[in-house]
N, C-alpha and C. Protein backbone atom coordinates (compact mmCIF):
# COMPACT_ATOMS: atom_id res chain seq x y z
N MET A 1 -75.91 38.20 -136.01
CA MET A 1 -74.72 38.80 -135.83
C MET A 1 -74.12 38.10 -134.22
N LEU A 2 -72.95 37.74 -134.33
CA LEU A 2 -72.48 37.23 -132.95
C LEU A 2 -71.77 38.19 -132.28
N ASN A 3 -72.07 39.44 -132.01
CA ASN A 3 -71.15 40.35 -131.49
C ASN A 3 -71.65 40.42 -129.79
N GLY A 4 -70.86 41.33 -129.44
CA GLY A 4 -70.90 41.64 -127.73
C GLY A 4 -72.87 42.02 -127.49
N LYS A 5 -73.12 42.67 -128.26
CA LYS A 5 -74.50 43.08 -128.30
C LYS A 5 -75.56 42.11 -128.32
N THR A 6 -75.29 41.17 -128.87
CA THR A 6 -76.26 39.85 -128.92
C THR A 6 -76.26 39.20 -127.59
N LYS A 7 -75.46 38.74 -126.89
CA LYS A 7 -75.67 38.31 -125.84
C LYS A 7 -76.09 38.80 -124.36
N PRO A 8 -76.21 40.22 -124.23
CA PRO A 8 -76.97 40.88 -123.34
C PRO A 8 -78.64 41.13 -123.91
N HIS A 9 -78.69 41.14 -125.14
CA HIS A 9 -80.09 40.95 -125.55
C HIS A 9 -80.51 39.74 -125.46
N ARG A 10 -79.78 38.62 -125.62
CA ARG A 10 -80.61 37.21 -124.99
C ARG A 10 -80.78 37.07 -123.69
N LEU A 11 -79.90 37.87 -123.01
CA LEU A 11 -80.07 37.77 -121.57
C LEU A 11 -81.35 38.18 -120.86
N ALA A 12 -81.24 39.68 -121.55
CA ALA A 12 -82.53 40.41 -121.38
C ALA A 12 -83.91 39.64 -121.51
N LEU A 13 -83.84 39.15 -122.93
CA LEU A 13 -85.18 38.13 -123.22
C LEU A 13 -85.12 36.98 -122.06
N GLY A 14 -84.31 36.53 -121.84
CA GLY A 14 -84.46 35.27 -120.77
C GLY A 14 -85.07 35.72 -119.66
N MET A 15 -84.63 36.89 -119.27
CA MET A 15 -85.06 37.31 -117.58
C MET A 15 -86.51 37.94 -117.87
N LEU A 16 -86.74 38.37 -119.16
CA LEU A 16 -88.26 38.75 -119.30
C LEU A 16 -89.22 37.50 -119.50
N ALA A 17 -88.68 36.62 -119.91
CA ALA A 17 -89.55 35.19 -120.05
C ALA A 17 -89.26 34.74 -118.80
N ALA A 18 -88.58 34.82 -117.90
CA ALA A 18 -88.52 34.11 -116.55
C ALA A 18 -89.82 34.77 -115.86
N LEU A 19 -89.79 36.38 -115.70
CA LEU A 19 -90.57 37.05 -115.08
C LEU A 19 -91.84 36.92 -115.72
N ALA A 20 -92.07 36.87 -116.95
CA ALA A 20 -93.45 36.74 -117.38
C ALA A 20 -93.99 35.05 -116.71
N VAL A 21 -93.09 34.10 -116.80
CA VAL A 21 -93.47 32.89 -116.14
C VAL A 21 -93.93 32.93 -114.92
N ALA A 22 -93.30 33.93 -114.02
CA ALA A 22 -93.30 34.09 -112.88
C ALA A 22 -94.78 34.65 -112.38
N VAL A 23 -94.95 35.79 -113.23
CA VAL A 23 -96.09 36.71 -112.87
C VAL A 23 -97.35 35.74 -113.45
N ALA A 24 -97.25 34.98 -114.54
CA ALA A 24 -98.13 34.16 -114.81
C ALA A 24 -98.82 33.19 -114.00
N THR A 25 -97.67 32.48 -113.39
CA THR A 25 -97.66 31.43 -112.34
C THR A 25 -98.65 32.18 -111.10
N ALA A 26 -97.95 33.48 -110.56
CA ALA A 26 -98.78 33.71 -109.38
C ALA A 26 -100.09 34.50 -109.60
N CYS A 27 -100.52 34.74 -110.95
CA CYS A 27 -101.76 35.34 -111.29
C CYS A 27 -102.49 34.17 -111.80
N GLY A 28 -102.35 33.43 -112.46
CA GLY A 28 -102.73 32.10 -113.07
C GLY A 28 -103.68 31.46 -112.29
N GLY A 29 -103.18 31.12 -110.95
CA GLY A 29 -103.52 29.98 -110.18
C GLY A 29 -104.89 30.43 -109.82
N SER A 30 -105.40 31.75 -109.48
CA SER A 30 -106.83 32.34 -109.25
C SER A 30 -107.83 32.21 -110.29
N SER A 31 -107.41 32.09 -111.41
CA SER A 31 -107.75 32.05 -112.69
C SER A 31 -108.72 30.76 -112.89
N GLY A 32 -109.84 30.91 -113.28
CA GLY A 32 -110.62 29.26 -113.61
C GLY A 32 -111.21 29.43 -114.75
N GLU A 33 -110.59 29.91 -115.69
CA GLU A 33 -111.20 29.79 -117.06
C GLU A 33 -111.18 28.79 -118.25
N LYS A 34 -110.42 28.70 -119.11
CA LYS A 34 -110.65 27.83 -120.48
C LYS A 34 -109.86 26.22 -120.08
N ASP A 35 -108.38 26.44 -119.72
CA ASP A 35 -107.80 25.40 -119.64
C ASP A 35 -107.86 24.45 -118.38
N ALA A 36 -108.69 23.84 -118.25
CA ALA A 36 -108.94 22.96 -116.57
C ALA A 36 -107.57 22.19 -116.34
N GLY A 37 -106.70 21.80 -117.51
CA GLY A 37 -105.74 20.83 -117.15
C GLY A 37 -104.87 21.71 -116.59
N ASP A 38 -104.84 22.88 -117.32
CA ASP A 38 -103.46 24.01 -116.92
C ASP A 38 -104.02 24.53 -115.34
N ASP A 39 -105.11 24.88 -115.03
CA ASP A 39 -105.44 25.42 -113.57
C ASP A 39 -105.39 24.57 -112.72
N GLY A 40 -105.45 23.07 -113.32
CA GLY A 40 -105.23 22.24 -112.16
C GLY A 40 -103.70 21.80 -111.72
N ALA A 41 -102.83 22.32 -112.57
CA ALA A 41 -101.36 21.91 -112.73
C ALA A 41 -100.86 23.35 -111.67
N LYS A 42 -101.64 24.49 -111.92
CA LYS A 42 -101.31 25.52 -111.19
C LYS A 42 -101.90 25.66 -109.70
N ALA A 43 -103.00 25.16 -109.69
CA ALA A 43 -103.54 24.96 -108.39
C ALA A 43 -102.96 24.47 -107.34
N PRO A 44 -102.50 23.14 -107.41
CA PRO A 44 -101.72 22.45 -106.38
C PRO A 44 -100.59 23.17 -106.00
N ALA A 45 -99.64 23.88 -107.07
CA ALA A 45 -98.57 24.53 -106.86
C ALA A 45 -98.95 25.74 -105.63
N ALA A 46 -99.79 26.32 -105.80
CA ALA A 46 -100.55 27.58 -105.03
C ALA A 46 -101.02 27.07 -103.58
N ALA A 47 -101.58 25.85 -103.85
CA ALA A 47 -102.15 25.25 -102.46
C ALA A 47 -100.99 24.80 -101.77
N THR A 48 -99.89 24.25 -102.28
CA THR A 48 -98.77 23.70 -101.38
C THR A 48 -98.04 24.71 -101.01
N THR A 49 -97.96 25.85 -101.55
CA THR A 49 -97.10 26.86 -101.15
C THR A 49 -97.72 27.70 -100.33
N THR A 50 -99.10 27.78 -100.11
CA THR A 50 -99.87 28.71 -99.30
C THR A 50 -99.83 28.04 -98.03
N PRO A 51 -100.51 26.90 -97.92
CA PRO A 51 -100.67 26.05 -96.83
C PRO A 51 -99.45 25.64 -95.93
N SER A 52 -98.31 25.55 -96.64
CA SER A 52 -97.07 25.45 -95.93
C SER A 52 -96.41 26.07 -94.94
N GLN A 53 -96.56 27.68 -95.34
CA GLN A 53 -96.48 28.54 -94.45
C GLN A 53 -97.43 28.93 -93.31
N PRO A 54 -98.40 28.67 -93.45
CA PRO A 54 -99.35 28.67 -92.27
C PRO A 54 -99.14 27.35 -91.30
N ALA A 55 -98.66 26.09 -92.05
CA ALA A 55 -98.57 24.62 -91.31
C ALA A 55 -97.33 25.03 -90.37
N ALA A 56 -96.22 25.70 -90.85
CA ALA A 56 -95.20 25.89 -90.25
C ALA A 56 -95.16 26.84 -89.04
N ALA A 57 -96.22 27.71 -89.28
CA ALA A 57 -96.36 28.62 -88.03
C ALA A 57 -97.18 28.17 -86.88
N ALA A 58 -98.14 27.11 -87.62
CA ALA A 58 -98.89 26.53 -86.63
C ALA A 58 -97.97 25.42 -85.80
N ALA A 59 -96.74 24.82 -86.32
CA ALA A 59 -96.01 23.99 -85.65
C ALA A 59 -95.44 24.80 -84.50
N ALA A 60 -95.08 25.93 -84.71
CA ALA A 60 -94.29 26.59 -83.69
C ALA A 60 -94.94 26.77 -82.55
N PRO A 61 -96.18 27.24 -82.33
CA PRO A 61 -96.83 27.31 -80.99
C PRO A 61 -96.92 25.85 -80.58
N THR A 62 -97.50 24.71 -81.28
CA THR A 62 -97.38 23.60 -80.67
C THR A 62 -96.32 23.12 -80.15
N THR A 63 -95.05 23.36 -80.69
CA THR A 63 -93.70 22.86 -79.94
C THR A 63 -93.29 24.03 -78.83
N ALA A 64 -93.80 25.27 -78.95
CA ALA A 64 -93.74 26.16 -77.47
C ALA A 64 -94.64 25.48 -76.53
N ALA A 65 -95.72 25.32 -76.74
CA ALA A 65 -96.65 24.60 -75.73
C ALA A 65 -96.45 23.35 -74.95
N ALA A 66 -95.66 22.57 -75.99
CA ALA A 66 -95.35 21.30 -75.60
C ALA A 66 -93.96 21.33 -74.59
N ALA A 67 -93.23 22.57 -74.98
CA ALA A 67 -92.05 22.84 -73.86
C ALA A 67 -92.38 22.85 -72.49
N PRO A 68 -91.83 22.34 -71.69
CA PRO A 68 -92.25 22.37 -70.19
C PRO A 68 -91.69 23.73 -69.78
N SER A 69 -92.33 24.18 -68.59
CA SER A 69 -92.11 25.32 -67.91
C SER A 69 -91.10 24.85 -66.64
N SER A 70 -89.92 25.60 -66.68
CA SER A 70 -89.12 25.51 -65.42
C SER A 70 -88.93 26.86 -64.82
N LEU A 71 -89.32 26.69 -63.28
CA LEU A 71 -89.30 27.75 -62.37
C LEU A 71 -88.17 27.23 -61.23
N VAL A 72 -87.63 28.36 -60.65
CA VAL A 72 -86.88 28.20 -59.63
C VAL A 72 -87.10 29.29 -58.36
N LEU A 73 -87.24 28.66 -57.34
CA LEU A 73 -87.70 29.26 -55.95
C LEU A 73 -86.16 29.31 -55.01
N VAL A 74 -86.02 30.20 -54.54
CA VAL A 74 -84.75 30.38 -53.83
C VAL A 74 -85.28 30.41 -52.34
N ALA A 75 -84.81 29.67 -51.55
CA ALA A 75 -85.02 29.97 -50.23
C ALA A 75 -84.03 30.33 -49.38
N SER A 76 -84.12 31.50 -48.69
CA SER A 76 -83.15 32.04 -47.89
C SER A 76 -83.48 32.69 -46.98
N ASN A 77 -82.91 32.75 -45.72
CA ASN A 77 -83.45 33.62 -44.56
C ASN A 77 -85.01 33.57 -44.27
N ILE A 78 -85.14 32.30 -44.18
CA ILE A 78 -86.57 31.45 -44.27
C ILE A 78 -87.81 32.26 -44.97
N LEU A 79 -87.22 32.64 -46.11
CA LEU A 79 -88.21 33.43 -47.17
C LEU A 79 -87.83 32.67 -48.58
N PHE A 80 -88.97 32.76 -49.37
CA PHE A 80 -88.88 32.40 -50.74
C PHE A 80 -88.57 33.65 -51.35
N ASP A 81 -87.88 33.73 -52.54
CA ASP A 81 -87.49 34.73 -53.26
C ASP A 81 -88.45 35.28 -54.08
N LYS A 82 -89.58 34.81 -54.15
CA LYS A 82 -90.70 34.99 -55.20
C LYS A 82 -91.79 34.48 -54.34
N LYS A 83 -93.01 35.47 -54.40
CA LYS A 83 -94.29 35.12 -53.80
C LYS A 83 -95.25 34.67 -55.16
N GLU A 84 -95.07 35.20 -56.34
CA GLU A 84 -95.72 34.88 -57.32
C GLU A 84 -95.00 34.44 -58.57
N LEU A 85 -95.58 33.15 -59.00
CA LEU A 85 -94.69 32.63 -60.27
C LEU A 85 -95.92 32.61 -61.35
N SER A 86 -95.40 32.10 -62.88
CA SER A 86 -96.46 31.78 -63.50
C SER A 86 -95.76 31.02 -64.40
N ALA A 87 -96.89 30.12 -65.35
CA ALA A 87 -96.23 29.19 -66.07
C ALA A 87 -97.36 29.03 -67.18
N ALA A 88 -97.01 28.40 -68.13
CA ALA A 88 -97.74 28.04 -69.08
C ALA A 88 -98.58 26.18 -68.78
N ALA A 89 -99.64 26.28 -69.23
CA ALA A 89 -100.18 24.82 -68.88
C ALA A 89 -99.40 23.67 -69.38
N GLY A 90 -99.18 22.49 -68.60
CA GLY A 90 -98.58 21.64 -69.18
C GLY A 90 -97.52 20.86 -67.93
N ALA A 91 -96.42 20.70 -68.46
CA ALA A 91 -95.27 20.05 -67.70
C ALA A 91 -94.65 21.24 -67.07
N VAL A 92 -94.50 21.16 -65.69
CA VAL A 92 -93.82 22.36 -64.91
C VAL A 92 -92.81 21.97 -64.13
N THR A 93 -91.97 22.05 -64.01
CA THR A 93 -90.55 21.54 -63.13
C THR A 93 -90.25 22.84 -61.90
N LEU A 94 -90.65 22.59 -60.82
CA LEU A 94 -90.23 23.67 -59.97
C LEU A 94 -89.04 23.28 -59.46
N ASP A 95 -88.01 23.92 -59.14
CA ASP A 95 -86.80 23.62 -58.61
C ASP A 95 -86.54 24.79 -57.22
N LEU A 96 -86.45 23.91 -56.27
CA LEU A 96 -86.18 24.46 -54.86
C LEU A 96 -84.65 24.67 -54.54
N ASP A 97 -84.01 25.97 -54.57
CA ASP A 97 -82.65 25.95 -54.17
C ASP A 97 -82.81 26.59 -52.69
N ASN A 98 -82.21 25.71 -51.92
CA ASN A 98 -82.52 25.88 -50.32
C ASN A 98 -81.19 26.56 -49.98
N GLN A 99 -81.00 27.73 -49.67
CA GLN A 99 -79.63 28.43 -49.40
C GLN A 99 -79.36 28.58 -47.90
N ASP A 100 -80.33 28.41 -47.11
CA ASP A 100 -80.25 28.31 -45.76
C ASP A 100 -79.50 27.23 -45.06
N ALA A 101 -78.32 27.17 -44.55
CA ALA A 101 -77.33 26.37 -44.21
C ALA A 101 -77.88 25.98 -42.84
N GLY A 102 -78.19 24.38 -42.71
CA GLY A 102 -78.69 23.82 -41.79
C GLY A 102 -80.09 23.88 -41.37
N VAL A 103 -80.74 24.83 -42.39
CA VAL A 103 -82.40 25.13 -42.31
C VAL A 103 -83.14 24.09 -43.14
N PRO A 104 -84.07 23.44 -42.57
CA PRO A 104 -84.86 22.57 -43.42
C PRO A 104 -86.15 23.21 -44.40
N HIS A 105 -86.16 23.16 -45.35
CA HIS A 105 -87.14 23.38 -46.25
C HIS A 105 -87.75 22.67 -47.05
N ASN A 106 -88.86 22.71 -47.88
CA ASN A 106 -89.50 21.92 -48.65
C ASN A 106 -90.37 22.91 -49.60
N LEU A 107 -90.76 22.19 -50.50
CA LEU A 107 -91.80 23.21 -51.47
C LEU A 107 -93.26 21.95 -51.65
N HIS A 108 -94.19 22.44 -51.08
CA HIS A 108 -95.33 21.73 -51.33
C HIS A 108 -96.44 22.38 -52.11
N VAL A 109 -96.92 21.96 -53.02
CA VAL A 109 -98.03 22.63 -54.08
C VAL A 109 -99.27 22.05 -53.71
N PHE A 110 -100.33 23.03 -53.47
CA PHE A 110 -101.64 22.76 -53.69
C PHE A 110 -102.55 23.32 -54.74
N SER A 111 -103.70 22.38 -55.18
CA SER A 111 -104.57 23.05 -56.15
C SER A 111 -105.39 24.35 -55.32
N GLY A 112 -105.65 25.32 -56.25
CA GLY A 112 -106.53 26.39 -55.45
C GLY A 112 -105.49 27.38 -54.89
N ALA A 113 -106.18 28.31 -53.89
CA ALA A 113 -105.35 29.74 -53.46
C ALA A 113 -105.00 29.48 -52.14
N SER A 114 -105.17 28.06 -51.63
CA SER A 114 -104.30 27.89 -50.34
C SER A 114 -104.05 26.55 -50.08
N ALA A 115 -103.47 26.05 -48.92
CA ALA A 115 -103.07 24.78 -48.69
C ALA A 115 -104.58 24.11 -48.06
N THR A 116 -105.87 24.46 -48.24
CA THR A 116 -106.81 23.72 -48.17
C THR A 116 -107.18 22.82 -49.49
N GLY A 117 -106.38 23.33 -50.43
CA GLY A 117 -106.63 22.58 -51.69
C GLY A 117 -106.40 21.08 -51.81
N ASP A 118 -106.17 20.49 -52.74
CA ASP A 118 -105.84 18.87 -52.93
C ASP A 118 -104.20 19.03 -52.98
N SER A 119 -103.44 18.12 -52.35
CA SER A 119 -101.76 18.08 -52.28
C SER A 119 -101.62 17.74 -53.71
N LEU A 120 -100.75 18.50 -54.59
CA LEU A 120 -100.50 17.88 -55.70
C LEU A 120 -99.03 17.22 -55.73
N GLY A 121 -98.12 17.65 -54.92
CA GLY A 121 -96.73 16.95 -54.51
C GLY A 121 -95.92 18.06 -53.48
N ALA A 122 -94.92 17.36 -53.49
CA ALA A 122 -93.92 17.97 -52.65
C ALA A 122 -92.62 17.39 -52.67
N THR A 123 -91.44 18.23 -52.36
CA THR A 123 -90.09 17.95 -52.18
C THR A 123 -90.03 17.55 -50.68
N ALA A 124 -88.74 16.70 -50.46
CA ALA A 124 -88.64 16.18 -49.13
C ALA A 124 -88.12 17.39 -48.53
N LEU A 125 -88.35 17.05 -47.38
CA LEU A 125 -87.93 18.26 -46.24
C LEU A 125 -86.40 17.98 -46.00
N GLU A 126 -85.59 18.92 -46.32
CA GLU A 126 -83.99 18.64 -46.30
C GLU A 126 -83.38 20.14 -45.75
N ALA A 127 -82.27 20.01 -44.71
CA ALA A 127 -81.71 21.16 -44.50
C ALA A 127 -81.00 21.82 -45.74
N GLY A 128 -80.62 22.71 -45.50
CA GLY A 128 -79.71 23.42 -46.65
C GLY A 128 -78.13 23.39 -46.34
N PRO A 129 -77.47 23.68 -47.27
CA PRO A 129 -77.73 23.84 -48.70
C PRO A 129 -78.16 22.82 -49.61
N THR A 130 -78.99 22.66 -49.99
CA THR A 130 -79.70 21.38 -51.29
C THR A 130 -80.44 22.27 -52.37
N ARG A 131 -80.64 21.44 -53.50
CA ARG A 131 -81.24 21.67 -54.40
C ARG A 131 -82.47 20.60 -54.88
N GLN A 132 -83.51 20.69 -55.25
CA GLN A 132 -84.36 19.58 -55.39
C GLN A 132 -85.43 20.38 -56.34
N SER A 133 -85.97 19.38 -57.18
CA SER A 133 -87.00 19.41 -58.34
C SER A 133 -88.32 18.64 -57.78
N LEU A 134 -89.17 19.08 -58.25
CA LEU A 134 -90.69 18.84 -58.33
C LEU A 134 -91.04 18.72 -59.81
N LYS A 135 -91.71 17.56 -60.40
CA LYS A 135 -92.17 17.91 -61.60
C LYS A 135 -93.68 17.64 -61.68
N LEU A 136 -94.38 18.69 -62.00
CA LEU A 136 -95.96 18.22 -61.82
C LEU A 136 -96.57 18.73 -63.52
N ASP A 137 -97.70 18.21 -63.59
CA ASP A 137 -98.64 18.63 -64.80
C ASP A 137 -99.74 19.60 -64.46
N LEU A 138 -99.66 20.64 -64.88
CA LEU A 138 -100.66 21.58 -64.34
C LEU A 138 -101.47 22.33 -65.48
N SER A 139 -102.69 22.21 -65.04
CA SER A 139 -103.93 22.67 -66.08
C SER A 139 -104.07 24.29 -65.51
N LYS A 140 -104.56 24.83 -66.51
CA LYS A 140 -105.15 26.31 -66.20
C LYS A 140 -105.67 26.60 -65.20
N GLY A 141 -104.97 27.54 -64.12
CA GLY A 141 -105.47 27.73 -62.92
C GLY A 141 -104.69 28.38 -61.82
N GLN A 142 -105.25 28.49 -60.60
CA GLN A 142 -104.32 28.86 -59.61
C GLN A 142 -103.79 27.86 -58.50
N TYR A 143 -102.93 27.96 -58.22
CA TYR A 143 -102.13 26.91 -57.27
C TYR A 143 -101.07 27.94 -56.06
N PHE A 144 -101.14 27.19 -54.84
CA PHE A 144 -100.55 27.57 -54.06
C PHE A 144 -99.16 26.88 -53.31
N PHE A 145 -98.13 27.33 -53.21
CA PHE A 145 -97.22 26.63 -52.72
C PHE A 145 -96.66 27.17 -51.18
N VAL A 146 -95.98 26.38 -50.36
CA VAL A 146 -95.57 26.61 -49.22
C VAL A 146 -94.38 25.69 -48.60
N CYS A 147 -93.83 26.01 -47.83
CA CYS A 147 -92.79 25.60 -47.06
C CYS A 147 -93.54 24.70 -45.98
N ASP A 148 -93.51 23.50 -45.62
CA ASP A 148 -94.38 23.05 -44.66
C ASP A 148 -93.88 23.53 -42.98
N VAL A 149 -92.50 23.57 -43.08
CA VAL A 149 -92.11 23.66 -41.83
C VAL A 149 -92.18 25.46 -41.60
N HIS A 150 -92.26 26.04 -42.39
CA HIS A 150 -92.51 27.72 -42.19
C HIS A 150 -93.55 28.30 -42.99
N PRO A 151 -95.01 27.89 -42.84
CA PRO A 151 -95.92 28.30 -43.30
C PRO A 151 -96.32 29.74 -43.26
N THR A 152 -95.88 30.48 -42.38
CA THR A 152 -96.30 31.68 -42.22
C THR A 152 -95.64 32.82 -42.89
N THR A 153 -94.46 32.27 -43.20
CA THR A 153 -93.49 33.35 -44.02
C THR A 153 -93.17 32.82 -45.61
N MET A 154 -93.37 31.25 -45.81
CA MET A 154 -92.93 30.90 -47.02
C MET A 154 -94.00 30.49 -47.63
N THR A 155 -94.76 31.17 -48.45
CA THR A 155 -95.96 30.86 -49.26
C THR A 155 -95.99 31.80 -50.46
N GLY A 156 -96.71 31.21 -51.41
CA GLY A 156 -96.94 31.95 -52.79
C GLY A 156 -97.81 31.42 -53.76
N THR A 157 -98.01 32.05 -54.94
CA THR A 157 -98.99 31.27 -55.63
C THR A 157 -98.64 31.18 -57.12
N ILE A 158 -99.11 29.93 -57.82
CA ILE A 158 -98.58 29.76 -59.55
C ILE A 158 -99.73 30.27 -59.96
N THR A 159 -99.82 30.86 -61.18
CA THR A 159 -100.78 31.15 -61.97
C THR A 159 -100.31 30.34 -63.18
N VAL A 160 -101.24 29.55 -63.83
CA VAL A 160 -100.95 29.10 -64.99
C VAL A 160 -101.89 29.31 -66.11
N GLY A 161 -101.47 29.74 -66.91
CA GLY A 161 -102.43 30.08 -68.19
C GLY A 161 -102.51 29.31 -69.48
């Protein structure tokens, strides 16, 4: 019979068949009984689907870790606007925004918790208003920063995790 009732019936059968194939594929990958060739065909499909999701998730943290940290310190009224900074390990860019007109400032970074540690780098000593950048590769730990001209009022720490 080729009436209107036949077409929905065929559609329902097609959907039922597709559902059965989907269920068999999802459940069949974990079965390891009779058809070795059949399981071999299903197992790679399951292996391809499952690892691709964790691989994508694993790629995200790698990309995030590789992204450099960028930190800004504002020098104003012979003070830094922040005493404590934090960054991820790796490439770190420190921007010094000297807003003190006619007043020289720099940013000097040392390993450890004071200026007695190893000098890792410094910006030039320049009168404001200026903006300078210092790029460092920092590993996990504690670092000290200071303006060499104003060591009693312009200091702080960087915690790298």
